[in-house]
């Protein structure tokens, strides 16, 4: 049986509004509709490893959602192999990038998302 694509799974979850979600280097970011209400969507797909750049892109989208769409629910979808086991990423502070993403998500929670 053929594994479904990220795009087809998004279409099943969000219908036609899934077109508002971009996929760049296996990172999901965008907006979709659930029962007529807008949701902010972030996440990963394709069993990717999450690196510093991916964590920053996800955090930036959460911040955008906080600033431009107050109290909009955030849906996080994850299909990941975990963090990328890479010495360069570790030297650049991969844990702090994840910490930044978690801080952004906590701020969103506190602001009613």
Protein backbone atom coordinates (compact mmCIF):
# COMPACT_ATOMS: atom_id res chain seq x y z
CA UNK A 1 0.00 0.00 0.00
CA UNK A 2 1.35 3.39 -1.00
CA UNK A 3 2.08 5.82 1.83
CA UNK A 4 -0.12 8.96 1.62
CA UNK A 5 1.62 12.24 0.89
CA UNK A 6 1.66 15.13 3.34
CA UNK A 7 -0.44 17.16 0.90
CA UNK A 8 -3.11 14.43 0.67
CA UNK A 9 -3.26 14.09 4.46
CA UNK A 10 -3.64 17.86 4.83
CA UNK A 11 -6.47 17.79 2.30
CA UNK A 12 -8.23 15.09 4.33
CA UNK A 13 -7.85 17.09 7.53
CA UNK A 14 -8.63 20.57 6.21
CA UNK A 15 -10.36 20.11 2.86
CA UNK A 16 -9.81 22.83 0.24
CA UNK A 17 -8.46 25.23 2.88
CA UNK A 18 -5.31 23.07 3.11
CA UNK A 19 -4.03 25.12 0.15
CA UNK A 20 -3.24 27.81 2.73
CA UNK A 21 -0.53 25.60 4.23
CA UNK A 22 2.92 25.71 2.68
CA UNK A 23 5.40 22.86 2.81
CA UNK A 24 9.03 23.89 2.57
CA UNK A 25 11.81 21.41 3.33
CA UNK A 26 9.29 19.20 5.18
CA UNK A 27 8.13 22.05 7.45
CA UNK A 28 4.42 22.93 7.48
CA UNK A 29 3.24 26.49 8.10
CA UNK A 30 0.04 28.28 7.22
CA UNK A 31 -3.64 28.66 7.96
CA UNK A 32 -6.63 26.41 7.28
CA UNK A 33 -10.27 26.08 8.29
CA UNK A 34 -11.84 23.63 10.72
CA UNK A 35 -15.64 23.73 10.88
CA UNK A 36 -15.56 27.23 9.43
CA UNK A 37 -13.02 28.62 11.90
CA UNK A 38 -9.43 29.54 11.05
CA UNK A 39 -6.59 27.61 12.66
CA UNK A 40 -2.85 28.22 12.51
CA UNK A 41 -1.04 25.09 11.32
CA UNK A 42 2.60 24.28 12.05
CA UNK A 43 4.53 21.06 11.93
CA UNK A 44 6.77 18.67 10.08
CA UNK A 45 6.19 15.92 7.54
CA UNK A 46 7.92 13.14 5.65
CA UNK A 47 9.68 11.78 8.75
CA UNK A 48 12.17 14.62 8.55
CA UNK A 49 14.86 15.47 11.06
CA UNK A 50 14.27 18.84 12.69
CA UNK A 51 17.27 21.13 12.51
CA UNK A 52 17.98 24.70 13.65
CA UNK A 53 16.44 26.27 10.54
CA UNK A 54 13.24 24.23 10.85
CA UNK A 55 12.84 25.15 14.52
CA UNK A 56 13.28 28.83 13.62
CA UNK A 57 10.72 28.64 10.79
CA UNK A 58 8.19 27.01 13.12
CA UNK A 59 8.81 29.60 15.85
CA UNK A 60 8.47 32.46 13.36
CA UNK A 61 5.09 31.15 12.23
CA UNK A 62 3.89 30.87 15.84
CA UNK A 63 4.96 34.49 16.44
CA UNK A 64 3.14 35.58 13.27
CA UNK A 65 0.02 33.79 14.47
CA UNK A 66 0.24 35.52 17.87
CA UNK A 67 0.68 38.95 16.28
CA UNK A 68 -1.75 38.75 13.36
CA UNK A 69 -4.39 36.23 14.50
CA UNK A 70 -5.04 36.69 18.24
CA UNK A 71 -6.47 33.67 20.06
CA UNK A 72 -6.52 31.54 16.89
CA UNK A 73 -6.09 27.85 17.75
CA UNK A 74 -2.72 26.37 16.80
CA UNK A 75 -2.64 22.86 15.34
CA UNK A 76 0.77 21.20 15.42
CA UNK A 77 1.24 18.15 13.20
CA UNK A 78 4.43 16.15 13.63
CA UNK A 79 5.92 13.42 11.46
CA UNK A 80 9.54 13.65 12.51
CA UNK A 81 12.55 11.45 13.09
CA UNK A 82 13.48 13.81 15.95
CA UNK A 83 16.24 16.35 16.07
CA UNK A 84 18.98 16.05 13.51
CA UNK A 85 22.00 14.25 14.98
CA UNK A 86 24.52 16.64 13.54
CA UNK A 87 27.61 18.02 15.25
CA UNK A 88 27.34 21.38 13.45
CA UNK A 89 23.70 21.80 14.58
CA UNK A 90 24.72 20.92 18.13
CA UNK A 91 27.58 23.42 18.03
CA UNK A 92 25.13 26.09 16.83
CA UNK A 93 22.94 25.38 19.86
CA UNK A 94 20.17 23.12 18.55
CA UNK A 95 18.74 22.76 22.06
CA UNK A 96 18.38 26.54 22.35
CA UNK A 97 16.52 26.66 19.01
CA UNK A 98 14.06 24.07 20.35
CA UNK A 99 13.84 26.06 23.58
CA UNK A 100 12.94 29.16 21.55
CA UNK A 101 10.18 27.26 19.74
CA UNK A 102 8.80 25.96 23.03
CA UNK A 103 8.91 29.48 24.50
CA UNK A 104 6.92 30.78 21.53
CA UNK A 105 4.34 28.03 21.97
CA UNK A 106 4.08 28.81 25.69
CA UNK A 107 3.58 32.51 24.92
CA UNK A 108 0.83 31.57 22.46
CA UNK A 109 -0.84 29.43 25.15
CA UNK A 110 -0.70 32.29 27.63
CA UNK A 111 -2.23 34.65 25.05
CA UNK A 112 -5.22 32.35 24.57
CA UNK A 113 -4.26 30.35 21.47
